[in-house]
Protein backbone atom coordinates (compact mmCIF):
# COMPACT_ATOMS: atom_id res chain seq x y z
CA MET A 1 105.91 121.22 97.35
CA ALA A 2 102.78 119.30 98.34
CA PHE A 3 100.72 117.58 95.64
CA LEU A 4 97.42 119.23 96.67
CA GLU A 5 97.70 122.77 98.02
CA ILE A 6 94.81 124.75 99.48
CA GLU A 7 95.64 128.32 100.43
CA ASN A 8 93.48 130.86 102.28
CA LEU A 9 90.24 129.26 101.07
CA HIS A 10 87.20 131.27 102.05
CA LYS A 11 83.54 130.76 101.12
CA THR A 12 80.44 132.83 101.80
CA PHE A 13 76.84 132.20 100.82
CA GLY A 14 75.13 135.60 100.99
CA THR A 15 75.74 136.85 104.52
CA ASN A 16 76.68 133.41 105.82
CA THR A 17 80.36 132.47 106.00
CA ALA A 18 80.71 128.72 105.48
CA LEU A 19 84.52 128.59 105.48
CA HIS A 20 87.15 130.78 107.12
CA GLN A 21 90.74 130.86 105.81
CA PHE A 22 91.23 127.15 105.19
CA ASP A 23 94.90 126.21 104.59
CA MET A 24 96.01 122.65 103.88
CA GLN A 25 98.83 120.81 102.13
CA ILE A 26 98.32 117.17 101.17
CA GLU A 27 101.09 114.92 99.88
CA ARG A 28 100.79 112.60 96.90
CA GLY A 29 99.24 109.28 97.93
CA GLU A 30 98.09 110.57 101.31
CA PHE A 31 94.68 109.66 102.79
CA VAL A 32 93.29 112.69 104.63
CA THR A 33 89.94 112.82 106.42
CA PHE A 34 87.90 115.97 107.08
CA LEU A 35 86.07 115.27 110.35
CA GLY A 36 83.42 117.39 112.00
CA PRO A 37 79.71 117.87 112.72
CA SER A 38 77.13 118.77 110.09
CA GLY A 39 77.53 122.34 108.86
CA CYS A 40 81.20 122.66 109.83
CA GLY A 41 82.34 123.29 106.22
CA LYS A 42 83.98 119.97 105.37
CA THR A 43 81.77 119.18 102.35
CA THR A 44 82.09 122.79 101.17
CA VAL A 45 85.87 122.34 100.95
CA LEU A 46 85.44 119.05 99.10
CA ARG A 47 83.05 120.60 96.58
CA MET A 48 85.47 123.46 95.91
CA ILE A 49 88.31 120.99 95.28
CA ALA A 50 86.01 119.13 92.87
CA GLY A 51 84.97 122.35 91.13
CA PHE A 52 81.29 122.21 92.09
CA GLU A 53 81.64 125.40 94.15
CA THR A 54 83.76 128.49 93.46
CA PRO A 55 85.76 129.94 96.38
CA THR A 56 84.99 133.48 97.46
CA ARG A 57 88.74 133.79 97.67
CA GLY A 58 91.74 131.49 97.91
CA THR A 59 93.71 129.14 95.70
CA ILE A 60 93.59 125.40 94.95
CA ARG A 61 96.54 123.73 93.22
CA ILE A 62 96.86 120.10 92.11
CA GLY A 63 100.34 118.96 91.10
CA GLY A 64 101.48 122.60 91.00
CA ARG A 65 98.65 123.60 88.62
CA ASP A 66 96.19 126.28 89.71
CA VAL A 67 92.71 124.74 89.28
CA THR A 68 90.76 127.27 91.35
CA HIS A 69 88.63 128.36 88.39
CA VAL A 70 89.08 125.31 86.14
CA ARG A 71 85.99 123.30 85.18
CA THR A 72 85.33 120.06 87.05
CA ARG A 73 85.91 117.83 84.00
CA GLN A 74 89.33 119.40 83.48
CA ARG A 75 90.62 118.83 87.04
CA ASN A 76 91.08 115.04 86.83
CA VAL A 77 89.39 114.33 90.14
CA GLY A 78 87.05 111.46 91.00
CA MET A 79 84.07 111.95 93.31
CA VAL A 80 82.09 109.42 95.34
CA PHE A 81 78.82 110.74 96.75
CA GLN A 82 76.85 109.75 99.83
CA SER A 83 73.78 108.98 97.67
CA TYR A 84 75.72 106.77 95.18
CA ALA A 85 74.35 108.90 92.26
CA LEU A 86 74.21 105.91 89.89
CA PHE A 87 72.16 106.13 86.70
CA PRO A 88 69.13 103.86 87.28
CA ASN A 89 68.68 103.10 83.57
CA MET A 90 72.29 101.92 83.13
CA THR A 91 73.86 98.59 84.03
CA VAL A 92 76.81 98.30 86.38
CA ALA A 93 79.20 98.20 83.40
CA GLU A 94 77.55 101.21 81.77
CA ASN A 95 77.69 103.22 84.99
CA ILE A 96 81.39 102.48 85.48
CA GLY A 97 82.20 103.28 81.86
CA PHE A 98 80.08 106.45 81.64
CA GLY A 99 82.89 108.91 82.31
CA LEU A 100 85.16 107.13 79.85
CA ARG A 101 82.53 107.39 77.12
CA VAL A 102 82.11 111.11 77.82
CA ALA A 103 85.90 111.46 77.53
CA GLY A 104 85.76 109.85 74.07
CA LYS A 105 87.59 106.62 74.85
CA SER A 106 87.27 103.73 72.42
CA GLY A 107 84.89 100.84 73.05
CA ASP A 108 87.72 98.36 73.56
CA GLU A 109 89.48 100.65 76.04
CA ILE A 110 86.25 101.19 77.96
CA ARG A 111 85.57 97.44 78.17
CA ARG A 112 89.12 96.72 79.39
CA ARG A 113 88.94 99.44 82.04
CA VAL A 114 85.46 98.39 83.19
CA ASP A 115 86.66 94.80 83.56
CA GLU A 116 89.64 96.01 85.60
CA MET A 117 87.36 98.04 87.88
CA LEU A 118 84.94 95.15 88.37
CA GLN A 119 87.83 92.93 89.45
CA LEU A 120 89.11 95.69 91.72
CA ILE A 121 85.79 96.05 93.55
CA LYS A 122 85.23 92.27 93.54
CA LEU A 123 81.96 92.36 91.60
CA PRO A 124 82.87 90.79 88.22
CA ALA A 125 79.65 88.74 88.06
CA LEU A 126 77.32 91.75 88.41
CA THR A 127 78.27 93.60 85.22
CA ALA A 128 74.79 93.36 83.63
CA ARG A 129 72.75 94.22 86.71
CA TYR A 130 71.00 97.55 87.30
CA PRO A 131 71.42 99.64 90.47
CA TRP A 132 68.01 98.60 91.85
CA GLN A 133 69.21 94.97 91.74
CA LEU A 134 72.18 95.73 94.02
CA SER A 135 72.54 96.10 97.78
CA GLY A 136 73.60 99.44 99.24
CA GLY A 137 77.17 98.22 99.72
CA GLN A 138 77.34 96.94 96.12
CA GLN A 139 75.99 100.24 94.79
CA GLN A 140 78.66 102.16 96.68
CA ARG A 141 81.36 99.86 95.28
CA VAL A 142 80.11 100.60 91.78
CA ALA A 143 80.16 104.33 92.53
CA LEU A 144 83.75 103.96 93.74
CA ALA A 145 84.72 102.04 90.58
CA ARG A 146 83.14 104.74 88.41
CA ALA A 147 85.14 107.43 90.23
CA LEU A 148 88.38 105.47 89.75
CA ALA A 149 87.79 104.38 86.15
CA GLY A 150 89.19 107.58 84.66
CA LYS A 151 92.43 107.28 86.68
CA PRO A 152 91.95 110.53 88.63
CA GLU A 153 94.82 112.26 90.38
CA VAL A 154 92.65 112.97 93.45
CA LEU A 155 89.79 110.87 94.87
CA LEU A 156 87.12 112.73 96.85
CA LEU A 157 84.69 110.79 99.07
CA ASP A 158 81.76 112.69 100.56
CA GLU A 159 80.40 110.62 103.48
CA PRO A 160 80.20 107.55 101.22
CA LEU A 161 79.31 105.11 104.02
CA SER A 162 76.69 107.02 106.01
CA ALA A 163 73.71 105.34 104.30
CA LEU A 164 74.96 101.81 105.03
CA ASP A 165 74.41 99.63 108.08
CA ALA A 166 77.21 99.32 110.62
CA LYS A 167 78.62 95.95 109.56
CA ILE A 168 78.81 96.88 105.85
CA ARG A 169 80.34 100.26 106.71
CA ILE A 170 83.23 98.62 108.55
CA SER A 171 83.88 96.18 105.71
CA LEU A 172 83.64 98.81 102.98
CA ARG A 173 85.83 101.37 104.72
CA GLU A 174 88.55 98.72 105.02
CA ASP A 175 88.16 97.96 101.30
CA ILE A 176 88.39 101.66 100.42
CA ARG A 177 91.60 102.03 102.41
CA THR A 178 93.08 98.89 100.84
CA LEU A 179 92.26 100.11 97.33
CA GLN A 180 93.64 103.57 98.07
CA ARG A 181 96.95 102.11 99.24
CA GLU A 182 97.10 99.72 96.30
CA LEU A 183 96.51 102.51 93.78
CA GLY A 184 98.53 105.13 95.66
CA ILE A 185 95.90 107.77 94.90
CA THR A 186 95.69 111.00 96.88
CA SER A 187 92.35 110.84 98.72
CA ILE A 188 90.14 113.08 100.85
CA PHE A 189 87.39 111.45 102.89
CA VAL A 190 84.62 113.48 104.53
CA THR A 191 82.82 112.08 107.57
CA HIS A 192 81.22 113.02 110.88
CA ASP A 193 82.04 109.54 112.26
CA GLN A 194 85.10 109.64 114.53
CA GLU A 195 85.65 105.88 114.35
CA GLU A 196 85.83 105.98 110.55
CA ALA A 197 88.30 108.85 110.67
CA LEU A 198 90.54 107.22 113.27
CA SER A 199 90.59 103.83 111.55
CA ILE A 200 91.54 104.72 107.97
CA SER A 201 93.33 108.09 107.89
CA ASP A 202 96.94 109.10 107.51
CA ARG A 203 95.92 112.51 108.84
CA ILE A 204 92.70 113.98 110.21
CA VAL A 205 91.52 117.58 109.83
CA VAL A 206 89.04 118.34 112.63
CA MET A 207 86.71 121.16 111.61
CA ASN A 208 84.21 123.27 113.53
CA GLU A 209 82.10 126.22 112.36
CA GLY A 210 84.04 126.65 109.12
CA ARG A 211 87.48 126.57 110.72
CA ILE A 212 90.25 124.03 111.25
CA GLU A 213 90.51 123.12 114.93
CA GLN A 214 93.45 120.72 114.63
CA VAL A 215 95.37 118.67 112.05
CA GLY A 216 97.30 115.53 112.95
CA SER A 217 97.62 111.77 112.77
CA PRO A 218 94.81 109.71 114.34
CA ALA A 219 97.00 109.06 117.38
CA GLN A 220 97.83 112.77 117.77
CA ILE A 221 94.21 113.85 117.44
CA TYR A 222 92.98 111.30 119.98
CA ASN A 223 95.83 111.37 122.49
CA PHE A 224 96.80 115.04 122.33
CA PRO A 225 93.74 117.18 121.48
CA ARG A 226 94.53 120.87 121.66
CA THR A 227 91.05 122.27 122.21
CA ARG A 228 87.97 121.27 124.16
CA PHE A 229 86.03 120.78 120.91
CA VAL A 230 88.55 118.30 119.49
CA ALA A 231 88.87 116.47 122.78
CA SER A 232 85.10 116.08 123.21
CA PHE A 233 84.27 115.38 119.56
CA VAL A 234 86.84 112.61 119.19
CA GLY A 235 86.22 109.94 121.82
CA THR A 236 84.81 110.10 125.34
CA LEU A 237 86.39 112.68 127.57
CA ASN A 238 86.47 113.87 131.17
CA ILE A 239 86.79 117.63 131.65
CA LEU A 240 88.10 119.13 134.88
CA THR A 241 88.70 122.72 135.93
CA GLY A 242 92.08 123.28 137.52
CA HIS A 243 94.07 126.17 138.93
CA VAL A 244 97.68 126.66 137.91
CA VAL A 245 99.86 126.43 141.04
CA ASP A 246 103.34 126.43 139.51
CA PRO A 247 103.67 126.85 135.71
CA ALA A 248 107.36 125.88 135.74
CA THR A 249 106.70 122.40 137.13
CA GLY A 250 103.23 121.91 135.61
CA ARG A 251 101.58 121.73 139.04
CA MET A 252 97.77 122.17 139.04
CA ALA A 253 95.10 122.03 141.73
CA VAL A 254 91.68 120.41 141.32
CA ASP A 255 89.33 120.64 144.28
CA GLY A 256 92.32 121.24 146.55
CA GLN A 257 94.12 118.14 145.24
CA GLU A 258 97.45 118.66 143.51
CA LEU A 259 98.08 117.19 140.06
CA ILE A 260 101.01 117.41 137.66
CA THR A 261 100.88 117.72 133.88
CA THR A 262 103.81 117.40 131.52
CA ARG A 263 102.67 120.28 129.31
CA ALA A 264 104.70 123.45 129.67
CA LEU A 265 102.64 126.36 130.98
CA ALA A 266 103.24 130.05 130.44
CA SER A 267 104.81 131.84 133.39
CA ASP A 268 101.87 134.27 133.61
CA ASP A 269 99.41 131.36 133.97
CA ALA A 270 100.02 131.17 137.72
CA GLY A 271 96.69 131.31 139.58
CA LYS A 272 94.62 131.08 136.39
CA LYS A 273 91.90 128.53 135.74
CA ARG A 274 92.57 126.04 132.94
CA LEU A 275 90.56 123.20 131.45
CA LEU A 276 92.05 119.74 131.94
CA ALA A 277 91.15 116.67 129.87
CA LEU A 278 91.44 113.02 130.82
CA ARG A 279 90.36 109.95 128.81
CA PRO A 280 88.35 107.27 130.69
CA GLU A 281 90.77 104.50 129.69
CA ALA A 282 93.69 106.44 131.20
CA ILE A 283 92.27 106.18 134.73
CA VAL A 284 92.71 103.18 137.01
CA LEU A 285 91.55 102.40 140.53
CA GLU A 286 94.72 102.32 142.59
CA ALA A 287 96.30 103.52 145.80
CA PRO A 288 98.42 106.69 145.58
CA ALA A 289 101.85 105.96 144.10
CA PRO A 290 105.02 108.02 143.55
CA GLY A 291 105.23 109.57 140.09
CA ARG A 292 101.46 109.23 139.52
CA ASN A 293 98.55 111.62 139.81
CA THR A 294 95.80 110.63 142.25
CA LEU A 295 92.34 112.05 142.85
CA ALA A 296 90.16 111.08 145.80
CA ALA A 297 86.62 110.41 144.59
CA THR A 298 83.33 108.72 145.46
CA VAL A 299 81.69 106.11 143.21
CA GLU A 300 78.34 107.28 141.80
CA ASP A 301 77.51 104.45 139.41
CA VAL A 302 78.84 101.20 137.91
CA ASN A 303 77.62 100.20 134.42
CA PHE A 304 78.28 96.77 132.93
CA LEU A 305 78.82 97.15 129.14
CA GLY A 306 79.99 93.64 128.25
CA SER A 307 83.73 93.61 127.68
CA VAL A 308 84.07 96.93 129.52
CA VAL A 309 82.73 98.20 132.84
CA ARG A 310 82.26 101.96 133.07
CA ILE A 311 82.53 103.50 136.53
CA ARG A 312 81.40 107.04 137.29
CA ALA A 313 83.06 108.73 140.24
CA ARG A 314 82.50 112.19 141.70
CA VAL A 315 85.28 114.66 142.53
CA ASN A 316 83.44 117.57 144.13
CA GLU A 317 81.49 119.19 141.24
CA ALA A 318 83.01 117.03 138.50
CA VAL A 319 81.94 113.48 137.62
CA LEU A 320 84.63 111.36 135.95
CA SER A 321 84.13 108.21 133.89
CA LEU A 322 86.70 105.44 133.86
CA ASP A 323 86.71 102.18 131.92
CA VAL A 324 88.01 98.84 133.17
CA PHE A 325 88.01 95.53 131.33
CA ASN A 326 85.44 93.01 132.44
CA ASP A 327 87.17 90.42 134.60
CA PRO A 328 84.97 87.86 136.40
CA GLY A 329 87.55 87.75 139.19
CA ARG A 330 87.62 91.52 139.68
CA ARG A 331 85.75 92.96 142.63
CA LEU A 332 84.06 96.14 141.46
CA PRO A 333 83.47 99.09 143.79
CA GLU A 334 79.98 99.86 145.04
CA ARG A 335 77.99 103.08 144.88
CA GLY A 336 79.01 105.52 147.59
CA GLN A 337 82.39 103.85 148.09
CA PRO A 338 85.44 106.17 148.33
CA VAL A 339 88.11 105.35 145.75
CA ALA A 340 91.47 106.65 144.52
CA LEU A 341 91.68 107.43 140.80
CA GLY A 342 95.20 107.08 139.45
CA PHE A 343 96.65 108.23 136.13
CA SER A 344 100.02 109.23 134.71
CA HIS A 345 101.21 112.80 134.33
CA ASP A 346 101.31 112.33 130.54
CA ASN A 347 97.59 111.56 130.38
CA LEU A 348 96.49 114.82 132.00
CA LEU A 349 96.05 117.28 129.12
CA VAL A 350 95.88 121.06 129.50
CA LEU A 351 93.62 122.45 126.78
CA GLU A 352 94.40 125.67 124.98
CA GLU A 353 91.25 127.51 126.04
CA GLY A 354 90.99 129.13 129.41
CA VAL A 355 87.88 128.91 131.60
């Protein structure tokens, strides 16, 4: 039995359906990220787990206990908000200890726990400061300490880094992951940032229009997307339209050029159009070779991006991007030059949708 169980969760606001049949099982100590664009339902799920929203139907269990209709304060969850939500008239220590005071803990216990939290977030010298005297990153650390002070069973983080600049975001997300591992707390992180999701998650739940598109490890989500939405939302992607030539051997045709994919195709797919996906970093400029896919193309553009050079090449109606590392000794192709694009059979993905 999973530690956090979400079954058939559904949520409507008037005539608008925000969430459709959401099912998820999360193990104790797991770090799961809900990833998707604004309005996809990820924060709605988080708020229902926290108890801020009531499901239209469905069940939420924590540690085997049904908490679907239990008050927020009785669920033993900690929440970190995007806006920090610190009390401006309270010091750092008072903000961290607020939930403990509400729970009726003694003064000595509160002081000990606040000191522990300040050490944990590496801000022991700022105990007497007020939120307006802190940087954005420091405020978010205090919000995190406040959420952890009551020793919650589940930690919920609702886009906690989106208001911070890029450098602080990277540092703080690494700190959050380190703390989560150290404490072993079951955590759910909501974000629309694919890099955040890929860098810190045990598993990622990709959501779109109130539904789960795919669940998997960061490597599975990036390398083996099942749908066009997942493939295009997570990373840069080339999309091709192919015709199934022989389902049994995975043979496809793109612009009259034969390709092979390792994905098994249904026998009745013969002659059908299917969407094919290919990551830019999977393509190399090379002569045709046995055991490799090759597409004849014409270079449209070459863009120098520092450590990487992005080349755009046309294959009939499709334009493919490929990335090569910057090498001063490498001779790059020129616009209008014919080239051969090589890639392995494993890197050519057949998406679930038809055309």
